[in-house]
Amino acid sequence: IATIQYLKDDEIYTEYYDFHKKKYSLEEKTE
């Protein structure tokens, strides 16, 4: 699993990439 955190509109988003499912998923909660 890759956990990617990025900045957008003064909020921090967390997105995951599953190498086996080859799929991204975005966490609903921001920081």
PDB file of all heavy atoms in Angstrom:
ATOM      1  N   ILE A   1       0.837  -1.201   0.000  1.00  0.00           N
ATOM      2  CA  ILE A   1       0.000   0.000   0.000  1.00  0.00           C
ATOM      3  C   ILE A   1       0.872   1.251   0.000  1.00  0.00           C
ATOM      4  O   ILE A   1       1.824   1.349   0.770  1.00  0.00           O
ATOM      5  CB  ILE A   1      -0.923   0.040   1.242  1.00  0.00           C
ATOM      6  CG1 ILE A   1      -1.830  -1.191   1.294  1.00  0.00           C
ATOM      7  CG2 ILE A   1      -1.752   1.332   1.246  1.00  0.00           C
ATOM      8  CD1 ILE A   1      -2.880  -1.250   0.208  1.00  0.00           C
ATOM      9  N   ALA A   2       0.542   2.199  -0.852  1.00  0.00           N
ATOM     10  CA  ALA A   2       1.169   3.523  -0.823  1.00  0.00           C
ATOM     11  C   ALA A   2       0.172   4.501  -0.216  1.00  0.00           C
ATOM     12  O   ALA A   2      -1.011   4.510  -0.587  1.00  0.00           O
ATOM     13  CB  ALA A   2       1.560   3.973  -2.221  1.00  0.00           C
ATOM     14  N   THR A   3       0.638   5.297   0.743  1.00  0.00           N
ATOM     15  CA  THR A   3      -0.191   6.333   1.361  1.00  0.00           C
ATOM     16  C   THR A   3       0.338   7.686   0.909  1.00  0.00           C
ATOM     17  O   THR A   3       1.494   8.026   1.172  1.00  0.00           O
ATOM     18  CB  THR A   3      -0.147   6.234   2.894  1.00  0.00           C
ATOM     19  OG1 THR A   3      -0.563   4.926   3.295  1.00  0.00           O
ATOM     20  CG2 THR A   3      -1.068   7.271   3.519  1.00  0.00           C
ATOM     21  N   ILE A   4      -0.494   8.429   0.221  1.00  0.00           N
ATOM     22  CA  ILE A   4      -0.084   9.700  -0.378  1.00  0.00           C
ATOM     23  C   ILE A   4      -0.888  10.826   0.254  1.00  0.00           C
ATOM     24  O   ILE A   4      -2.126  10.803   0.215  1.00  0.00           O
ATOM     25  CB  ILE A   4      -0.323   9.690  -1.900  1.00  0.00           C
ATOM     26  CG1 ILE A   4       0.323   8.447  -2.534  1.00  0.00           C
ATOM     27  CG2 ILE A   4       0.188  10.966  -2.543  1.00  0.00           C
ATOM     28  CD1 ILE A   4      -0.475   7.843  -3.644  1.00  0.00           C
ATOM     29  N   GLN A   5      -0.212  11.792   0.825  1.00  0.00           N
ATOM     30  CA  GLN A   5      -0.893  12.949   1.407  1.00  0.00           C
ATOM     31  C   GLN A   5      -0.509  14.195   0.612  1.00  0.00           C
ATOM     32  O   GLN A   5       0.677  14.430   0.347  1.00  0.00           O
ATOM     33  CB  GLN A   5      -0.521  13.112   2.874  1.00  0.00           C
ATOM     34  CG  GLN A   5      -1.039  11.979   3.747  1.00  0.00           C
ATOM     35  CD  GLN A   5      -0.860  12.254   5.223  1.00  0.00           C
ATOM     36  OE1 GLN A   5       0.231  12.523   5.681  1.00  0.00           O
ATOM     37  NE2 GLN A   5      -1.951  12.186   5.971  1.00  0.00           N
ATOM     38  N   TYR A   6      -1.523  14.979   0.236  1.00  0.00           N
ATOM     39  CA  TYR A   6      -1.252  16.150  -0.590  1.00  0.00           C
ATOM     40  C   TYR A   6      -2.105  17.335  -0.149  1.00  0.00           C
ATOM     41  O   TYR A   6      -3.124  17.186   0.520  1.00  0.00           O
ATOM     42  CB  TYR A   6      -1.474  15.840  -2.070  1.00  0.00           C
ATOM     43  CG  TYR A   6      -2.875  15.412  -2.436  1.00  0.00           C
ATOM     44  CD1 TYR A   6      -3.845  16.342  -2.794  1.00  0.00           C
ATOM     45  CD2 TYR A   6      -3.218  14.064  -2.449  1.00  0.00           C
ATOM     46  CE1 TYR A   6      -5.123  15.951  -3.148  1.00  0.00           C
ATOM     47  CE2 TYR A   6      -4.499  13.658  -2.799  1.00  0.00           C
ATOM     48  CZ  TYR A   6      -5.444  14.597  -3.151  1.00  0.00           C
ATOM     49  OH  TYR A   6      -6.712  14.200  -3.496  1.00  0.00           O
ATOM     50  N   LEU A   7      -1.639  18.510  -0.530  1.00  0.00           N
ATOM     51  CA  LEU A   7      -2.258  19.767  -0.129  1.00  0.00           C
ATOM     52  C   LEU A   7      -3.151  20.295  -1.239  1.00  0.00           C
ATOM     53  O   LEU A   7      -2.751  20.360  -2.401  1.00  0.00           O
ATOM     54  CB  LEU A   7      -1.169  20.792   0.194  1.00  0.00           C
ATOM     55  CG  LEU A   7      -1.603  22.157   0.719  1.00  0.00           C
ATOM     56  CD1 LEU A   7      -2.276  22.016   2.075  1.00  0.00           C
ATOM     57  CD2 LEU A   7      -0.399  23.078   0.816  1.00  0.00           C
ATOM     58  N   LYS A   8      -4.379  20.692  -0.846  1.00  0.00           N
ATOM     59  CA  LYS A   8      -5.310  21.280  -1.808  1.00  0.00           C
ATOM     60  C   LYS A   8      -6.292  22.166  -1.052  1.00  0.00           C
ATOM     61  O   LYS A   8      -6.956  21.698  -0.121  1.00  0.00           O
ATOM     62  CB  LYS A   8      -6.064  20.183  -2.571  1.00  0.00           C
ATOM     63  CG  LYS A   8      -7.007  20.712  -3.644  1.00  0.00           C
ATOM     64  CD  LYS A   8      -7.687  19.564  -4.366  1.00  0.00           C
ATOM     65  CE  LYS A   8      -8.643  20.072  -5.429  1.00  0.00           C
ATOM     66  NZ  LYS A   8      -9.344  18.952  -6.128  1.00  0.00           N
ATOM     67  N   ASP A   9      -6.344  23.429  -1.428  1.00  0.00           N
ATOM     68  CA  ASP A   9      -7.278  24.392  -0.810  1.00  0.00           C
ATOM     69  C   ASP A   9      -7.141  24.414   0.705  1.00  0.00           C
ATOM     70  O   ASP A   9      -8.132  24.385   1.453  1.00  0.00           O
ATOM     71  CB  ASP A   9      -8.727  24.062  -1.195  1.00  0.00           C
ATOM     72  CG  ASP A   9      -8.961  24.124  -2.692  1.00  0.00           C
ATOM     73  OD1 ASP A   9      -8.316  24.960  -3.354  1.00  0.00           O
ATOM     74  OD2 ASP A   9      -9.786  23.338  -3.200  1.00  0.00           O
ATOM     75  N   ASP A  10      -5.890  24.449   1.185  1.00  0.00           N
ATOM     76  CA  ASP A  10      -5.585  24.534   2.618  1.00  0.00           C
ATOM     77  C   ASP A  10      -6.066  23.320   3.411  1.00  0.00           C
ATOM     78  O   ASP A  10      -6.219  23.389   4.630  1.00  0.00           O
ATOM     79  CB  ASP A  10      -6.174  25.814   3.235  1.00  0.00           C
ATOM     80  CG  ASP A  10      -5.547  27.069   2.651  1.00  0.00           C
ATOM     81  OD1 ASP A  10      -4.333  27.029   2.371  1.00  0.00           O
ATOM     82  OD2 ASP A  10      -6.269  28.062   2.462  1.00  0.00           O
ATOM     83  N   GLU A  11      -6.337  22.234   2.727  1.00  0.00           N
ATOM     84  CA  GLU A  11      -6.689  20.980   3.375  1.00  0.00           C
ATOM     85  C   GLU A  11      -5.709  19.894   2.933  1.00  0.00           C
ATOM     86  O   GLU A  11      -5.175  19.939   1.823  1.00  0.00           O
ATOM     87  CB  GLU A  11      -8.120  20.548   3.004  1.00  0.00           C
ATOM     88  CG  GLU A  11      -9.208  21.490   3.494  1.00  0.00           C
ATOM     89  CD  GLU A  11      -9.437  21.375   4.996  1.00  0.00           C
ATOM     90  OE1 GLU A  11      -9.272  20.269   5.534  1.00  0.00           O
ATOM     91  OE2 GLU A  11      -9.783  22.401   5.610  1.00  0.00           O
ATOM     92  N   ILE A  12      -5.473  18.940   3.829  1.00  0.00           N
ATOM     93  CA  ILE A  12      -4.597  17.821   3.512  1.00  0.00           C
ATOM     94  C   ILE A  12      -5.462  16.599   3.219  1.00  0.00           C
ATOM     95  O   ILE A  12      -6.267  16.170   4.053  1.00  0.00           O
ATOM     96  CB  ILE A  12      -3.632  17.524   4.664  1.00  0.00           C
ATOM     97  CG1 ILE A  12      -2.687  18.711   4.863  1.00  0.00           C
ATOM     98  CG2 ILE A  12      -2.822  16.251   4.377  1.00  0.00           C
ATOM     99  CD1 ILE A  12      -1.803  18.599   6.092  1.00  0.00           C
ATOM    100  N   TYR A  13      -5.304  16.054   2.029  1.00  0.00           N
ATOM    101  CA  TYR A  13      -6.042  14.880   1.598  1.00  0.00           C
ATOM    102  C   TYR A  13      -5.137  13.653   1.693  1.00  0.00           C
ATOM    103  O   TYR A  13      -3.924  13.744   1.474  1.00  0.00           O
ATOM    104  CB  TYR A  13      -6.525  15.050   0.153  1.00  0.00           C
ATOM    105  CG  TYR A  13      -7.613  16.083  -0.013  1.00  0.00           C
ATOM    106  CD1 TYR A  13      -7.304  17.447  -0.024  1.00  0.00           C
ATOM    107  CD2 TYR A  13      -8.945  15.707  -0.150  1.00  0.00           C
ATOM    108  CE1 TYR A  13      -8.304  18.404  -0.166  1.00  0.00           C
ATOM    109  CE2 TYR A  13      -9.949  16.661  -0.309  1.00  0.00           C
ATOM    110  CZ  TYR A  13      -9.614  18.001  -0.312  1.00  0.00           C
ATOM    111  OH  TYR A  13     -10.610  18.949  -0.448  1.00  0.00           O
ATOM    112  N   THR A  14      -5.751  12.520   1.997  1.00  0.00           N
ATOM    113  CA  THR A  14      -5.011  11.262   2.081  1.00  0.00           C
ATOM    114  C   THR A  14      -5.586  10.278   1.071  1.00  0.00           C
ATOM    115  O   THR A  14      -6.790   9.994   1.083  1.00  0.00           O
ATOM    116  CB  THR A  14      -5.086  10.660   3.489  1.00  0.00           C
ATOM    117  OG1 THR A  14      -4.543  11.588   4.431  1.00  0.00           O
ATOM    118  CG2 THR A  14      -4.289   9.362   3.566  1.00  0.00           C
ATOM    119  N   GLU A  15      -4.729   9.781   0.214  1.00  0.00           N
ATOM    120  CA  GLU A  15      -5.151   8.832  -0.810  1.00  0.00           C
ATOM    121  C   GLU A  15      -4.268   7.589  -0.713  1.00  0.00           C
ATOM    122  O   GLU A  15      -3.090   7.667  -0.372  1.00  0.00           O
ATOM    123  CB  GLU A  15      -5.032   9.466  -2.202  1.00  0.00           C
ATOM    124  CG  GLU A  15      -5.698   8.663  -3.294  1.00  0.00           C
ATOM    125  CD  GLU A  15      -5.986   9.507  -4.540  1.00  0.00           C
ATOM    126  OE1 GLU A  15      -5.488  10.649  -4.608  1.00  0.00           O
ATOM    127  OE2 GLU A  15      -6.708   9.023  -5.414  1.00  0.00           O
ATOM    128  N   TYR A  16      -4.859   6.431  -1.006  1.00  0.00           N
ATOM    129  CA  TYR A  16      -4.137   5.170  -0.919  1.00  0.00           C
ATOM    130  C   TYR A  16      -4.088   4.514  -2.297  1.00  0.00           C
ATOM    131  O   TYR A  16      -5.025   4.625  -3.088  1.00  0.00           O
ATOM    132  CB  TYR A  16      -4.823   4.212   0.068  1.00  0.00           C
ATOM    133  CG  TYR A  16      -5.006   4.798   1.443  1.00  0.00           C
ATOM    134  CD1 TYR A  16      -6.217   5.396   1.806  1.00  0.00           C
ATOM    135  CD2 TYR A  16      -3.978   4.775   2.378  1.00  0.00           C
ATOM    136  CE1 TYR A  16      -6.400   5.946   3.063  1.00  0.00           C
ATOM    137  CE2 TYR A  16      -4.149   5.325   3.647  1.00  0.00           C
ATOM    138  CZ  TYR A  16      -5.360   5.899   3.978  1.00  0.00           C
ATOM    139  OH  TYR A  16      -5.538   6.449   5.219  1.00  0.00           O
ATOM    140  N   TYR A  17      -2.977   3.826  -2.545  1.00  0.00           N
ATOM    141  CA  TYR A  17      -2.896   3.021  -3.760  1.00  0.00           C
ATOM    142  C   TYR A  17      -2.592   1.584  -3.364  1.00  0.00           C
ATOM    143  O   TYR A  17      -1.604   1.319  -2.678  1.00  0.00           O
ATOM    144  CB  TYR A  17      -1.811   3.528  -4.711  1.00  0.00           C
ATOM    145  CG  TYR A  17      -1.704   2.680  -5.959  1.00  0.00           C
ATOM    146  CD1 TYR A  17      -2.689   2.745  -6.941  1.00  0.00           C
ATOM    147  CD2 TYR A  17      -0.648   1.790  -6.142  1.00  0.00           C
ATOM    148  CE1 TYR A  17      -2.615   1.955  -8.077  1.00  0.00           C
ATOM    149  CE2 TYR A  17      -0.564   1.005  -7.273  1.00  0.00           C
ATOM    150  CZ  TYR A  17      -1.550   1.080  -8.239  1.00  0.00           C
ATOM    151  OH  TYR A  17      -1.486   0.294  -9.353  1.00  0.00           O
ATOM    152  N   ASP A  18      -3.455   0.670  -3.783  1.00  0.00           N
ATOM    153  CA  ASP A  18      -3.295  -0.760  -3.518  1.00  0.00           C
ATOM    154  C   ASP A  18      -2.588  -1.382  -4.725  1.00  0.00           C
ATOM    155  O   ASP A  18      -3.139  -1.419  -5.825  1.00  0.00           O
ATOM    156  CB  ASP A  18      -4.676  -1.394  -3.298  1.00  0.00           C
ATOM    157  CG  ASP A  18      -4.579  -2.840  -2.828  1.00  0.00           C
ATOM    158  OD1 ASP A  18      -3.756  -3.592  -3.382  1.00  0.00           O
ATOM    159  OD2 ASP A  18      -5.328  -3.223  -1.912  1.00  0.00           O
ATOM    160  N   PHE A  19      -1.367  -1.869  -4.503  1.00  0.00           N
ATOM    161  CA  PHE A  19      -0.570  -2.403  -5.615  1.00  0.00           C
ATOM    162  C   PHE A  19      -1.149  -3.702  -6.171  1.00  0.00           C
ATOM    163  O   PHE A  19      -0.890  -4.053  -7.326  1.00  0.00           O
ATOM    164  CB  PHE A  19       0.873  -2.633  -5.168  1.00  0.00           C
ATOM    165  CG  PHE A  19       1.682  -1.379  -5.085  1.00  0.00           C
ATOM    166  CD1 PHE A  19       1.664  -0.597  -3.944  1.00  0.00           C
ATOM    167  CD2 PHE A  19       2.459  -0.956  -6.158  1.00  0.00           C
ATOM    168  CE1 PHE A  19       2.406   0.572  -3.860  1.00  0.00           C
ATOM    169  CE2 PHE A  19       3.203   0.210  -6.087  1.00  0.00           C
ATOM    170  CZ  PHE A  19       3.180   0.976  -4.928  1.00  0.00           C
ATOM    171  N   HIS A  20      -1.889  -4.433  -5.364  1.00  0.00           N
ATOM    172  CA  HIS A  20      -2.422  -5.714  -5.812  1.00  0.00           C
ATOM    173  C   HIS A  20      -3.754  -5.540  -6.553  1.00  0.00           C
ATOM    174  O   HIS A  20      -4.001  -6.190  -7.561  1.00  0.00           O
ATOM    175  CB  HIS A  20      -2.573  -6.646  -4.608  1.00  0.00           C
ATOM    176  CG  HIS A  20      -1.279  -6.870  -3.898  1.00  0.00           C
ATOM    177  ND1 HIS A  20      -0.332  -7.759  -4.346  1.00  0.00           N
ATOM    178  CD2 HIS A  20      -0.744  -6.277  -2.794  1.00  0.00           C
ATOM    179  CE1 HIS A  20       0.723  -7.729  -3.550  1.00  0.00           C
ATOM    180  NE2 HIS A  20       0.497  -6.830  -2.599  1.00  0.00           N
ATOM    181  N   LYS A  21      -4.586  -4.630  -6.066  1.00  0.00           N
ATOM    182  CA  LYS A  21      -5.841  -4.343  -6.750  1.00  0.00           C
ATOM    183  C   LYS A  21      -5.656  -3.319  -7.862  1.00  0.00           C
ATOM    184  O   LYS A  21      -6.567  -3.106  -8.666  1.00  0.00           O
ATOM    185  CB  LYS A  21      -6.874  -3.830  -5.753  1.00  0.00           C
ATOM    186  CG  LYS A  21      -7.269  -4.847  -4.700  1.00  0.00           C
ATOM    187  CD  LYS A  21      -8.306  -4.260  -3.743  1.00  0.00           C
ATOM    188  CE  LYS A  21      -8.710  -5.265  -2.683  1.00  0.00           C
ATOM    189  NZ  LYS A  21      -9.705  -4.697  -1.730  1.00  0.00           N
ATOM    190  N   LYS A  22      -4.466  -2.670  -7.845  1.00  0.00           N
ATOM    191  CA  LYS A  22      -4.168  -1.612  -8.822  1.00  0.00           C
ATOM    192  C   LYS A  22      -5.272  -0.547  -8.808  1.00  0.00           C
ATOM    193  O   LYS A  22      -5.842  -0.176  -9.835  1.00  0.00           O
ATOM    194  CB  LYS A  22      -3.990  -2.186 -10.230  1.00  0.00           C
ATOM    195  CG  LYS A  22      -2.888  -3.219 -10.343  1.00  0.00           C
ATOM    196  CD  LYS A  22      -2.656  -3.618 -11.771  1.00  0.00           C
ATOM    197  CE  LYS A  22      -1.656  -4.741 -11.906  1.00  0.00           C
ATOM    198  NZ  LYS A  22      -0.436  -4.598 -11.135  1.00  0.00           N
ATOM    199  N   LYS A  23      -5.534  -0.059  -7.584  1.00  0.00           N
ATOM    200  CA  LYS A  23      -6.663   0.845  -7.413  1.00  0.00           C
ATOM    201  C   LYS A  23      -6.350   1.927  -6.388  1.00  0.00           C
ATOM    202  O   LYS A  23      -5.722   1.654  -5.365  1.00  0.00           O
ATOM    203  CB  LYS A  23      -7.883   0.043  -6.961  1.00  0.00           C
ATOM    204  CG  LYS A  23      -9.160   0.844  -6.807  1.00  0.00           C
ATOM    205  CD  LYS A  23     -10.306  -0.055  -6.375  1.00  0.00           C
ATOM    206  CE  LYS A  23     -11.595   0.745  -6.190  1.00  0.00           C
ATOM    207  NZ  LYS A  23     -12.718  -0.126  -5.757  1.00  0.00           N
ATOM    208  N   TYR A  24      -6.796   3.156  -6.667  1.00  0.00           N
ATOM    209  CA  TYR A  24      -6.681   4.272  -5.734  1.00  0.00           C
ATOM    210  C   TYR A  24      -7.969   4.408  -4.926  1.00  0.00           C
ATOM    211  O   TYR A  24      -9.062   4.111  -5.426  1.00  0.00           O
ATOM    212  CB  TYR A  24      -6.453   5.587  -6.479  1.00  0.00           C
ATOM    213  CG  TYR A  24      -5.073   5.773  -7.045  1.00  0.00           C
ATOM    214  CD1 TYR A  24      -4.787   5.420  -8.366  1.00  0.00           C
ATOM    215  CD2 TYR A  24      -4.058   6.327  -6.280  1.00  0.00           C
ATOM    216  CE1 TYR A  24      -3.519   5.593  -8.898  1.00  0.00           C
ATOM    217  CE2 TYR A  24      -2.785   6.509  -6.796  1.00  0.00           C
ATOM    218  CZ  TYR A  24      -2.518   6.143  -8.106  1.00  0.00           C
ATOM    219  OH  TYR A  24      -1.266   6.307  -8.617  1.00  0.00           O
ATOM    220  N   SER A  25      -7.840   4.878  -3.690  1.00  0.00           N
ATOM    221  CA  SER A  25      -9.010   5.195  -2.872  1.00  0.00           C
ATOM    222  C   SER A  25      -8.706   6.432  -2.046  1.00  0.00           C
ATOM    223  O   SER A  25      -7.612   6.559  -1.486  1.00  0.00           O
ATOM    224  CB  SER A  25      -9.387   4.023  -1.967  1.00  0.00           C
ATOM    225  OG  SER A  25      -8.328   3.685  -1.094  1.00  0.00           O
ATOM    226  N   LEU A  26      -9.655   7.334  -1.989  1.00  0.00           N
ATOM    227  CA  LEU A  26      -9.483   8.606  -1.300  1.00  0.00           C
ATOM    228  C   LEU A  26     -10.207   8.569   0.037  1.00  0.00           C
ATOM    229  O   LEU A  26     -11.392   8.233   0.103  1.00  0.00           O
ATOM    230  CB  LEU A  26     -10.027   9.750  -2.151  1.00  0.00           C
ATOM    231  CG  LEU A  26      -9.872  11.168  -1.583  1.00  0.00           C
ATOM    232  CD1 LEU A  26      -8.400  11.551  -1.489  1.00  0.00           C
ATOM    233  CD2 LEU A  26     -10.630  12.172  -2.459  1.00  0.00           C
ATOM    234  N   GLU A  27      -9.489   8.913   1.103  1.00  0.00           N
ATOM    235  CA  GLU A  27     -10.113   8.972   2.421  1.00  0.00           C
ATOM    236  C   GLU A  27     -11.066  10.169   2.484  1.00  0.00           C
ATOM    237  O   GLU A  27     -10.725  11.264   2.048  1.00  0.00           O
ATOM    238  CB  GLU A  27      -9.019   9.100   3.487  1.00  0.00           C
ATOM    239  CG  GLU A  27      -9.491   8.847   4.899  1.00  0.00           C
ATOM    240  CD  GLU A  27      -8.329   8.737   5.877  1.00  0.00           C
ATOM    241  OE1 GLU A  27      -7.631   7.711   5.870  1.00  0.00           O
ATOM    242  OE2 GLU A  27      -8.132   9.703   6.644  1.00  0.00           O
ATOM    243  N   GLU A  28     -12.245   9.936   3.043  1.00  0.00           N
ATOM    244  CA  GLU A  28     -13.244  11.013   3.087  1.00  0.00           C
ATOM    245  C   GLU A  28     -12.809  12.161   3.987  1.00  0.00           C
ATOM    246  O   GLU A  28     -13.011  13.332   3.670  1.00  0.00           O
ATOM    247  CB  GLU A  28     -14.584  10.449   3.580  1.00  0.00           C
ATOM    248  CG  GLU A  28     -15.264   9.522   2.585  1.00  0.00           C
ATOM    249  CD  GLU A  28     -16.636   9.109   3.067  1.00  0.00           C
ATOM    250  OE1 GLU A  28     -17.129   9.697   4.050  1.00  0.00           O
ATOM    251  OE2 GLU A  28     -17.230   8.210   2.446  1.00  0.00           O
ATOM    252  N   LYS A  29     -12.213  11.844   5.110  1.00  0.00           N
ATOM    253  CA  LYS A  29     -11.841  12.875   6.080  1.00  0.00           C
ATOM    254  C   LYS A  29     -10.565  13.588   5.641  1.00  0.00           C
ATOM    255  O   LYS A  29      -9.592  12.970   5.241  1.00  0.00           O
ATOM    256  CB  LYS A  29     -11.624  12.242   7.454  1.00  0.00           C
ATOM    257  CG  LYS A  29     -11.365  13.242   8.557  1.00  0.00           C
ATOM    258  CD  LYS A  29     -11.214  12.542   9.896  1.00  0.00           C
ATOM    259  CE  LYS A  29     -10.938  13.536  11.021  1.00  0.00           C
ATOM    260  NZ  LYS A  29     -10.780  12.860  12.340  1.00  0.00           N
ATOM    261  N   THR A  30     -10.571  14.908   5.715  1.00  0.00           N
ATOM    262  CA  THR A  30      -9.390  15.710   5.421  1.00  0.00           C
ATOM    263  C   THR A  30      -8.832  16.283   6.717  1.00  0.00           C
ATOM    264  O   THR A  30      -9.445  16.176   7.780  1.00  0.00           O
ATOM    265  CB  THR A  30      -9.718  16.848   4.445  1.00  0.00           C
ATOM    266  OG1 THR A  30     -10.681  17.716   5.053  1.00  0.00           O
ATOM    267  CG2 THR A  30     -10.256  16.296   3.140  1.00  0.00           C
ATOM    268  N   GLU A  31      -7.677  16.909   6.605  1.00  0.00           N
ATOM    269  CA  GLU A  31      -6.989  17.452   7.771  1.00  0.00           C
ATOM    270  C   GLU A  31      -6.631  18.910   7.507  1.00  0.00           C
ATOM    271  O   GLU A  31      -6.231  19.254   6.387  1.00  0.00           O
ATOM    272  CB  GLU A  31      -5.725  16.626   8.020  1.00  0.00           C
ATOM    273  CG  GLU A  31      -4.966  16.963   9.274  1.00  0.00           C
ATOM    274  CD  GLU A  31      -3.747  16.066   9.450  1.00  0.00           C
ATOM    275  OE1 GLU A  31      -3.560  15.131   8.640  1.00  0.00           O
ATOM    276  OE2 GLU A  31      -2.973  16.319  10.389  1.00  0.00           O
TER     277      GLU A  31
END
